[in-house]
Amino acid sequence: MTVVAVLSMRVALAAGRGAATTSQTVTSARWGSVVVLQGQSATSGALVIDWTNVKKNPYQFIDLVNTSTVALLGQTMTLSTTRNGSGNQPLPTISLTLCRSGSWDATAGTCSGTTADLGSTTTGSITVTEPVAVGGRLALRASTSAGTGSPFTSTFSSAVSRAQIPVGSVVNR
Protein backbone atom coordinates (compact mmCIF):
# COMPACT_ATOMS: atom_id res chain seq x y z
CA MET A 1 0.00 0.00 0.00
CA THR A 2 2.84 2.37 0.69
CA VAL A 3 4.20 1.97 -2.83
CA VAL A 4 0.84 2.80 -4.40
CA ALA A 5 0.55 6.02 -2.37
CA VAL A 6 3.97 7.27 -3.51
CA LEU A 7 3.20 6.49 -7.15
CA SER A 8 -0.17 8.22 -7.01
CA MET A 9 1.42 11.36 -5.47
CA ARG A 10 3.96 11.55 -8.33
CA VAL A 11 1.22 11.23 -10.93
CA ALA A 12 -0.81 13.97 -9.20
CA LEU A 13 2.22 16.31 -9.09
CA ALA A 14 3.04 15.67 -12.74
CA ALA A 15 -0.53 16.42 -13.75
CA GLY A 16 -0.33 19.85 -12.04
CA ARG A 17 2.62 21.07 -14.14
CA GLY A 18 2.11 23.00 -17.33
CA ALA A 19 3.67 25.54 -19.67
CA ALA A 20 2.19 28.75 -21.01
CA THR A 21 3.50 30.61 -24.02
CA THR A 22 2.83 34.12 -25.26
CA SER A 23 4.41 36.52 -27.71
CA GLN A 24 5.43 40.10 -27.13
CA THR A 25 6.83 42.72 -29.49
CA VAL A 26 10.04 44.31 -28.29
CA THR A 27 11.16 47.67 -29.64
CA SER A 28 14.19 49.81 -28.96
CA ALA A 29 14.03 53.40 -27.85
CA ARG A 30 15.19 55.96 -30.41
CA TRP A 31 16.69 59.18 -29.13
CA GLY A 32 17.89 62.42 -30.59
CA SER A 33 17.25 66.13 -30.77
CA VAL A 34 17.62 68.98 -33.23
CA VAL A 35 18.12 72.74 -33.07
CA VAL A 36 15.72 74.86 -35.16
CA LEU A 37 14.72 78.50 -35.35
CA GLN A 38 11.97 79.36 -32.87
CA GLY A 39 8.65 77.79 -33.89
CA GLN A 40 10.02 75.96 -36.94
CA SER A 41 9.39 72.28 -37.68
CA ALA A 42 11.99 69.80 -36.52
CA THR A 43 14.27 68.75 -39.36
CA SER A 44 17.50 66.82 -39.45
CA GLY A 45 20.90 68.42 -39.60
CA ALA A 46 22.47 71.44 -38.02
CA LEU A 47 21.09 74.97 -37.76
CA VAL A 48 23.28 77.65 -39.36
CA ILE A 49 22.81 81.26 -38.28
CA ASP A 50 24.45 84.12 -40.14
CA TRP A 51 25.04 87.02 -37.76
CA THR A 52 25.29 89.82 -40.35
CA ASN A 53 23.91 92.76 -38.38
CA VAL A 54 24.97 92.03 -34.81
CA LYS A 55 24.89 95.66 -33.68
CA LYS A 56 21.17 95.89 -34.55
CA ASN A 57 20.20 92.33 -33.54
CA PRO A 58 22.47 90.55 -31.03
CA TYR A 59 19.87 87.79 -30.38
CA GLN A 60 18.63 84.70 -32.20
CA PHE A 61 15.71 82.67 -30.83
CA ILE A 62 15.98 78.92 -31.27
CA ASP A 63 14.27 75.75 -30.07
CA LEU A 64 15.92 72.55 -28.94
CA VAL A 65 13.43 69.86 -30.04
CA ASN A 66 13.22 66.31 -28.63
CA THR A 67 12.83 64.01 -31.66
CA SER A 68 13.11 60.89 -29.48
CA THR A 69 10.59 58.21 -28.64
CA VAL A 70 11.44 58.75 -24.95
CA ALA A 71 11.64 61.75 -22.64
CA LEU A 72 15.12 63.21 -22.27
CA LEU A 73 16.97 64.19 -19.12
CA GLY A 74 19.32 66.41 -21.10
CA GLN A 75 21.03 67.12 -24.40
CA THR A 76 24.41 68.36 -25.52
CA MET A 77 24.57 71.32 -27.89
CA THR A 78 27.65 71.83 -30.02
CA LEU A 79 28.46 75.24 -31.43
CA SER A 80 30.96 76.15 -34.12
CA THR A 81 31.64 79.77 -35.07
CA THR A 82 33.57 81.13 -38.07
CA ARG A 83 34.17 84.60 -39.51
CA ASN A 84 32.49 85.43 -42.85
CA GLY A 85 35.49 86.88 -44.61
CA SER A 86 38.70 88.48 -43.59
CA GLY A 87 39.40 90.08 -40.30
CA ASN A 88 41.59 89.29 -37.39
CA GLN A 89 39.10 89.98 -34.61
CA PRO A 90 38.67 87.14 -32.12
CA LEU A 91 35.63 84.93 -32.52
CA PRO A 92 32.66 86.14 -30.46
CA THR A 93 31.23 84.24 -27.53
CA ILE A 94 27.70 82.87 -27.89
CA SER A 95 25.62 82.60 -24.70
CA LEU A 96 22.53 80.43 -24.36
CA THR A 97 19.62 81.32 -22.08
CA LEU A 98 16.65 79.02 -21.47
CA CYS A 99 13.11 80.35 -21.13
CA ARG A 100 11.67 77.82 -18.67
CA SER A 101 7.87 77.30 -18.70
CA GLY A 102 7.37 80.02 -21.28
CA SER A 103 8.44 81.38 -24.63
CA TRP A 104 10.62 84.17 -25.94
CA ASP A 105 9.12 87.35 -27.36
CA ALA A 106 11.49 87.89 -30.28
CA THR A 107 10.57 91.58 -30.60
CA ALA A 108 11.15 92.54 -26.97
CA GLY A 109 13.76 89.86 -26.24
CA THR A 110 11.90 88.87 -23.07
CA CYS A 111 10.84 85.52 -21.64
CA SER A 112 7.27 84.90 -20.46
CA GLY A 113 8.52 82.34 -17.90
CA THR A 114 11.72 82.27 -15.92
CA THR A 115 15.20 82.36 -17.40
CA ALA A 116 18.19 80.13 -16.74
CA ASP A 117 21.70 80.70 -18.13
CA LEU A 118 22.95 77.51 -19.79
CA GLY A 119 26.48 78.64 -20.55
CA SER A 120 28.54 80.23 -23.27
CA THR A 121 31.23 79.24 -25.72
CA THR A 122 33.05 80.47 -28.80
CA THR A 123 33.32 77.01 -30.31
CA GLY A 124 32.52 74.02 -28.13
CA SER A 125 29.76 72.18 -26.29
CA ILE A 126 27.14 73.15 -23.72
CA THR A 127 25.32 70.44 -21.79
CA VAL A 128 21.64 71.22 -21.24
CA THR A 129 20.29 69.38 -18.18
CA GLU A 130 16.67 70.46 -18.58
CA PRO A 131 14.23 67.52 -18.99
CA VAL A 132 12.04 67.60 -22.09
CA ALA A 133 9.09 65.38 -23.03
CA VAL A 134 8.76 63.41 -26.26
CA GLY A 135 8.18 65.96 -29.04
CA GLY A 136 8.74 68.80 -26.56
CA ARG A 137 10.81 71.94 -27.08
CA LEU A 138 13.13 74.06 -25.03
CA ALA A 139 12.99 77.76 -25.92
CA LEU A 140 16.48 79.25 -26.06
CA ARG A 141 17.94 82.66 -26.76
CA ALA A 142 21.39 82.75 -28.33
CA SER A 143 23.14 86.06 -27.77
CA THR A 144 26.52 87.27 -28.92
CA SER A 145 29.25 89.34 -27.38
CA ALA A 146 30.29 90.66 -30.79
CA GLY A 147 30.39 94.37 -31.30
CA THR A 148 30.80 95.92 -34.72
CA GLY A 149 33.36 93.37 -35.98
CA SER A 150 33.04 91.49 -39.23
CA PRO A 151 30.01 89.23 -39.66
CA PHE A 152 30.22 85.62 -38.59
CA THR A 153 28.31 82.35 -38.82
CA SER A 154 27.37 79.96 -36.02
CA THR A 155 26.44 76.33 -36.58
CA PHE A 156 24.31 74.72 -33.84
CA SER A 157 23.80 70.97 -33.51
CA SER A 158 22.67 68.70 -30.71
CA ALA A 159 23.16 65.14 -29.57
CA VAL A 160 21.81 62.85 -26.88
CA SER A 161 23.90 60.28 -25.05
CA ARG A 162 22.70 57.14 -23.28
CA ALA A 163 23.33 58.87 -19.93
CA GLN A 164 20.71 61.51 -20.90
CA ILE A 165 17.95 58.89 -21.22
CA PRO A 166 15.84 57.96 -18.16
CA VAL A 167 16.79 54.65 -16.54
CA GLY A 168 14.63 51.81 -17.85
CA SER A 169 14.02 53.44 -21.24
CA VAL A 170 16.78 51.56 -23.00
CA VAL A 171 15.51 48.03 -23.51
CA ASN A 172 17.97 46.65 -26.07
CA ARG A 173 21.68 47.30 -25.99
C-alpha atoms as a PDB file:
ATOM      1  CA  MET A   1       0.000   0.000   0.000  1.00  0.00           C
ATOM      2  CA  THR A   2       2.841   2.370   0.688  1.00  0.00           C
ATOM      3  CA  VAL A   3       4.200   1.967  -2.826  1.00  0.00           C
ATOM      4  CA  VAL A   4       0.844   2.798  -4.397  1.00  0.00           C
ATOM      5  CA  ALA A   5       0.549   6.018  -2.366  1.00  0.00           C
ATOM      6  CA  VAL A   6       3.972   7.274  -3.509  1.00  0.00           C
ATOM      7  CA  LEU A   7       3.200   6.490  -7.152  1.00  0.00           C
ATOM      8  CA  SER A   8      -0.166   8.222  -7.013  1.00  0.00           C
ATOM      9  CA  MET A   9       1.425  11.358  -5.471  1.00  0.00           C
ATOM     10  CA  ARG A  10       3.957  11.548  -8.328  1.00  0.00           C
ATOM     11  CA  VAL A  11       1.215  11.233 -10.927  1.00  0.00           C
ATOM     12  CA  ALA A  12      -0.806  13.972  -9.202  1.00  0.00           C
ATOM     13  CA  LEU A  13       2.219  16.311  -9.088  1.00  0.00           C
ATOM     14  CA  ALA A  14       3.040  15.672 -12.736  1.00  0.00           C
ATOM     15  CA  ALA A  15      -0.528  16.423 -13.753  1.00  0.00           C
ATOM     16  CA  GLY A  16      -0.328  19.849 -12.043  1.00  0.00           C
ATOM     17  CA  ARG A  17       2.621  21.067 -14.142  1.00  0.00           C
ATOM     18  CA  GLY A  18       2.113  23.004 -17.334  1.00  0.00           C
ATOM     19  CA  ALA A  19       3.665  25.544 -19.667  1.00  0.00           C
ATOM     20  CA  ALA A  20       2.195  28.754 -21.009  1.00  0.00           C
ATOM     21  CA  THR A  21       3.496  30.615 -24.018  1.00  0.00           C
ATOM     22  CA  THR A  22       2.828  34.116 -25.264  1.00  0.00           C
ATOM     23  CA  SER A  23       4.414  36.518 -27.706  1.00  0.00           C
ATOM     24  CA  GLN A  24       5.431  40.095 -27.132  1.00  0.00           C
ATOM     25  CA  THR A  25       6.831  42.718 -29.488  1.00  0.00           C
ATOM     26  CA  VAL A  26      10.043  44.314 -28.289  1.00  0.00           C
ATOM     27  CA  THR A  27      11.164  47.672 -29.644  1.00  0.00           C
ATOM     28  CA  SER A  28      14.188  49.814 -28.955  1.00  0.00           C
ATOM     29  CA  ALA A  29      14.026  53.398 -27.846  1.00  0.00           C
ATOM     30  CA  ARG A  30      15.192  55.961 -30.410  1.00  0.00           C
ATOM     31  CA  TRP A  31      16.688  59.177 -29.134  1.00  0.00           C
ATOM     32  CA  GLY A  32      17.890  62.420 -30.595  1.00  0.00           C
ATOM     33  CA  SER A  33      17.254  66.128 -30.768  1.00  0.00           C
ATOM     34  CA  VAL A  34      17.620  68.976 -33.233  1.00  0.00           C
ATOM     35  CA  VAL A  35      18.119  72.735 -33.075  1.00  0.00           C
ATOM     36  CA  VAL A  36      15.719  74.859 -35.157  1.00  0.00           C
ATOM     37  CA  LEU A  37      14.717  78.503 -35.351  1.00  0.00           C
ATOM     38  CA  GLN A  38      11.966  79.359 -32.866  1.00  0.00           C
ATOM     39  CA  GLY A  39       8.648  77.791 -33.889  1.00  0.00           C
ATOM     40  CA  GLN A  40      10.022  75.959 -36.938  1.00  0.00           C
ATOM     41  CA  SER A  41       9.385  72.282 -37.681  1.00  0.00           C
ATOM     42  CA  ALA A  42      11.986  69.796 -36.517  1.00  0.00           C
ATOM     43  CA  THR A  43      14.268  68.753 -39.362  1.00  0.00           C
ATOM     44  CA  SER A  44      17.499  66.816 -39.448  1.00  0.00           C
ATOM     45  CA  GLY A  45      20.900  68.416 -39.599  1.00  0.00           C
ATOM     46  CA  ALA A  46      22.473  71.438 -38.019  1.00  0.00           C
ATOM     47  CA  LEU A  47      21.090  74.971 -37.762  1.00  0.00           C
ATOM     48  CA  VAL A  48      23.277  77.648 -39.362  1.00  0.00           C
ATOM     49  CA  ILE A  49      22.809  81.262 -38.280  1.00  0.00           C
ATOM     50  CA  ASP A  50      24.452  84.125 -40.145  1.00  0.00           C
ATOM     51  CA  TRP A  51      25.041  87.023 -37.755  1.00  0.00           C
ATOM     52  CA  THR A  52      25.293  89.820 -40.354  1.00  0.00           C
ATOM     53  CA  ASN A  53      23.906  92.764 -38.377  1.00  0.00           C
ATOM     54  CA  VAL A  54      24.971  92.025 -34.811  1.00  0.00           C
ATOM     55  CA  LYS A  55      24.888  95.660 -33.681  1.00  0.00           C
ATOM     56  CA  LYS A  56      21.172  95.891 -34.547  1.00  0.00           C
ATOM     57  CA  ASN A  57      20.202  92.335 -33.543  1.00  0.00           C
ATOM     58  CA  PRO A  58      22.467  90.548 -31.034  1.00  0.00           C
ATOM     59  CA  TYR A  59      19.873  87.786 -30.381  1.00  0.00           C
ATOM     60  CA  GLN A  60      18.634  84.698 -32.197  1.00  0.00           C
ATOM     61  CA  PHE A  61      15.712  82.670 -30.831  1.00  0.00           C
ATOM     62  CA  ILE A  62      15.978  78.924 -31.268  1.00  0.00           C
ATOM     63  CA  ASP A  63      14.266  75.755 -30.069  1.00  0.00           C
ATOM     64  CA  LEU A  64      15.917  72.550 -28.944  1.00  0.00           C
ATOM     65  CA  VAL A  65      13.428  69.858 -30.039  1.00  0.00           C
ATOM     66  CA  ASN A  66      13.221  66.308 -28.632  1.00  0.00           C
ATOM     67  CA  THR A  67      12.829  64.012 -31.662  1.00  0.00           C
ATOM     68  CA  SER A  68      13.109  60.886 -29.482  1.00  0.00           C
ATOM     69  CA  THR A  69      10.591  58.206 -28.641  1.00  0.00           C
ATOM     70  CA  VAL A  70      11.438  58.746 -24.949  1.00  0.00           C
ATOM     71  CA  ALA A  71      11.639  61.754 -22.641  1.00  0.00           C
ATOM     72  CA  LEU A  72      15.123  63.211 -22.273  1.00  0.00           C
ATOM     73  CA  LEU A  73      16.973  64.195 -19.125  1.00  0.00           C
ATOM     74  CA  GLY A  74      19.320  66.407 -21.103  1.00  0.00           C
ATOM     75  CA  GLN A  75      21.028  67.116 -24.398  1.00  0.00           C
ATOM     76  CA  THR A  76      24.406  68.361 -25.524  1.00  0.00           C
ATOM     77  CA  MET A  77      24.573  71.324 -27.891  1.00  0.00           C
ATOM     78  CA  THR A  78      27.646  71.826 -30.016  1.00  0.00           C
ATOM     79  CA  LEU A  79      28.457  75.240 -31.428  1.00  0.00           C
ATOM     80  CA  SER A  80      30.955  76.147 -34.120  1.00  0.00           C
ATOM     81  CA  THR A  81      31.637  79.774 -35.066  1.00  0.00           C
ATOM     82  CA  THR A  82      33.572  81.128 -38.065  1.00  0.00           C
ATOM     83  CA  ARG A  83      34.169  84.597 -39.514  1.00  0.00           C
ATOM     84  CA  ASN A  84      32.488  85.432 -42.853  1.00  0.00           C
ATOM     85  CA  GLY A  85      35.489  86.877 -44.611  1.00  0.00           C
ATOM     86  CA  SER A  86      38.702  88.482 -43.588  1.00  0.00           C
ATOM     87  CA  GLY A  87      39.398  90.078 -40.304  1.00  0.00           C
ATOM     88  CA  ASN A  88      41.587  89.293 -37.385  1.00  0.00           C
ATOM     89  CA  GLN A  89      39.098  89.979 -34.614  1.00  0.00           C
ATOM     90  CA  PRO A  90      38.669  87.143 -32.124  1.00  0.00           C
ATOM     91  CA  LEU A  91      35.628  84.934 -32.521  1.00  0.00           C
ATOM     92  CA  PRO A  92      32.662  86.139 -30.465  1.00  0.00           C
ATOM     93  CA  THR A  93      31.232  84.239 -27.528  1.00  0.00           C
ATOM     94  CA  ILE A  94      27.697  82.868 -27.894  1.00  0.00           C
ATOM     95  CA  SER A  95      25.624  82.603 -24.701  1.00  0.00           C
ATOM     96  CA  LEU A  96      22.529  80.426 -24.356  1.00  0.00           C
ATOM     97  CA  THR A  97      19.617  81.315 -22.081  1.00  0.00           C
ATOM     98  CA  LEU A  98      16.653  79.018 -21.466  1.00  0.00           C
ATOM     99  CA  CYS A  99      13.112  80.354 -21.128  1.00  0.00           C
ATOM    100  CA  ARG A 100      11.666  77.817 -18.674  1.00  0.00           C
ATOM    101  CA  SER A 101       7.871  77.302 -18.701  1.00  0.00           C
ATOM    102  CA  GLY A 102       7.368  80.025 -21.277  1.00  0.00           C
ATOM    103  CA  SER A 103       8.444  81.378 -24.627  1.00  0.00           C
ATOM    104  CA  TRP A 104      10.618  84.169 -25.945  1.00  0.00           C
ATOM    105  CA  ASP A 105       9.119  87.354 -27.357  1.00  0.00           C
ATOM    106  CA  ALA A 106      11.487  87.889 -30.283  1.00  0.00           C
ATOM    107  CA  THR A 107      10.567  91.581 -30.602  1.00  0.00           C
ATOM    108  CA  ALA A 108      11.146  92.541 -26.969  1.00  0.00           C
ATOM    109  CA  GLY A 109      13.760  89.857 -26.243  1.00  0.00           C
ATOM    110  CA  THR A 110      11.904  88.866 -23.071  1.00  0.00           C
ATOM    111  CA  CYS A 111      10.840  85.520 -21.637  1.00  0.00           C
ATOM    112  CA  SER A 112       7.265  84.900 -20.464  1.00  0.00           C
ATOM    113  CA  GLY A 113       8.518  82.341 -17.902  1.00  0.00           C
ATOM    114  CA  THR A 114      11.723  82.268 -15.925  1.00  0.00           C
ATOM    115  CA  THR A 115      15.205  82.357 -17.403  1.00  0.00           C
ATOM    116  CA  ALA A 116      18.194  80.131 -16.743  1.00  0.00           C
ATOM    117  CA  ASP A 117      21.695  80.702 -18.130  1.00  0.00           C
ATOM    118  CA  LEU A 118      22.952  77.511 -19.788  1.00  0.00           C
ATOM    119  CA  GLY A 119      26.477  78.638 -20.546  1.00  0.00           C
ATOM    120  CA  SER A 120      28.545  80.235 -23.270  1.00  0.00           C
ATOM    121  CA  THR A 121      31.228  79.240 -25.720  1.00  0.00           C
ATOM    122  CA  THR A 122      33.050  80.466 -28.800  1.00  0.00           C
ATOM    123  CA  THR A 123      33.322  77.014 -30.310  1.00  0.00           C
ATOM    124  CA  GLY A 124      32.516  74.015 -28.126  1.00  0.00           C
ATOM    125  CA  SER A 125      29.764  72.183 -26.285  1.00  0.00           C
ATOM    126  CA  ILE A 126      27.138  73.152 -23.724  1.00  0.00           C
ATOM    127  CA  THR A 127      25.322  70.438 -21.790  1.00  0.00           C
ATOM    128  CA  VAL A 128      21.640  71.222 -21.243  1.00  0.00           C
ATOM    129  CA  THR A 129      20.295  69.384 -18.179  1.00  0.00           C
ATOM    130  CA  GLU A 130      16.672  70.459 -18.580  1.00  0.00           C
ATOM    131  CA  PRO A 131      14.231  67.524 -18.990  1.00  0.00           C
ATOM    132  CA  VAL A 132      12.035  67.602 -22.088  1.00  0.00           C
ATOM    133  CA  ALA A 133       9.088  65.375 -23.033  1.00  0.00           C
ATOM    134  CA  VAL A 134       8.761  63.412 -26.265  1.00  0.00           C
ATOM    135  CA  GLY A 135       8.176  65.965 -29.039  1.00  0.00           C
ATOM    136  CA  GLY A 136       8.744  68.803 -26.558  1.00  0.00           C
ATOM    137  CA  ARG A 137      10.808  71.942 -27.082  1.00  0.00           C
ATOM    138  CA  LEU A 138      13.125  74.057 -25.027  1.00  0.00           C
ATOM    139  CA  ALA A 139      12.985  77.759 -25.918  1.00  0.00           C
ATOM    140  CA  LEU A 140      16.482  79.252 -26.062  1.00  0.00           C
ATOM    141  CA  ARG A 141      17.938  82.664 -26.765  1.00  0.00           C
ATOM    142  CA  ALA A 142      21.385  82.750 -28.330  1.00  0.00           C
ATOM    143  CA  SER A 143      23.136  86.064 -27.768  1.00  0.00           C
ATOM    144  CA  THR A 144      26.520  87.267 -28.921  1.00  0.00           C
ATOM    145  CA  SER A 145      29.252  89.336 -27.382  1.00  0.00           C
ATOM    146  CA  ALA A 146      30.292  90.656 -30.788  1.00  0.00           C
ATOM    147  CA  GLY A 147      30.389  94.368 -31.296  1.00  0.00           C
ATOM    148  CA  THR A 148      30.805  95.915 -34.715  1.00  0.00           C
ATOM    149  CA  GLY A 149      33.361  93.366 -35.981  1.00  0.00           C
ATOM    150  CA  SER A 150      33.044  91.493 -39.232  1.00  0.00           C
ATOM    151  CA  PRO A 151      30.006  89.231 -39.655  1.00  0.00           C
ATOM    152  CA  PHE A 152      30.223  85.617 -38.587  1.00  0.00           C
ATOM    153  CA  THR A 153      28.311  82.353 -38.815  1.00  0.00           C
ATOM    154  CA  SER A 154      27.369  79.963 -36.018  1.00  0.00           C
ATOM    155  CA  THR A 155      26.436  76.333 -36.576  1.00  0.00           C
ATOM    156  CA  PHE A 156      24.313  74.715 -33.845  1.00  0.00           C
ATOM    157  CA  SER A 157      23.799  70.971 -33.506  1.00  0.00           C
ATOM    158  CA  SER A 158      22.673  68.700 -30.706  1.00  0.00           C
ATOM    159  CA  ALA A 159      23.157  65.136 -29.570  1.00  0.00           C
ATOM    160  CA  VAL A 160      21.810  62.847 -26.876  1.00  0.00           C
ATOM    161  CA  SER A 161      23.901  60.276 -25.045  1.00  0.00           C
ATOM    162  CA  ARG A 162      22.696  57.144 -23.278  1.00  0.00           C
ATOM    163  CA  ALA A 163      23.325  58.873 -19.931  1.00  0.00           C
ATOM    164  CA  GLN A 164      20.709  61.515 -20.896  1.00  0.00           C
ATOM    165  CA  ILE A 165      17.953  58.889 -21.217  1.00  0.00           C
ATOM    166  CA  PRO A 166      15.837  57.961 -18.156  1.00  0.00           C
ATOM    167  CA  VAL A 167      16.786  54.647 -16.540  1.00  0.00           C
ATOM    168  CA  GLY A 168      14.628  51.815 -17.847  1.00  0.00           C
ATOM    169  CA  SER A 169      14.016  53.439 -21.236  1.00  0.00           C
ATOM    170  CA  VAL A 170      16.782  51.557 -23.004  1.00  0.00           C
ATOM    171  CA  VAL A 171      15.506  48.031 -23.511  1.00  0.00           C
ATOM    172  CA  ASN A 172      17.971  46.653 -26.071  1.00  0.00           C
ATOM    173  CA  ARG A 173      21.683  47.298 -25.989  1.00  0.00           C
END
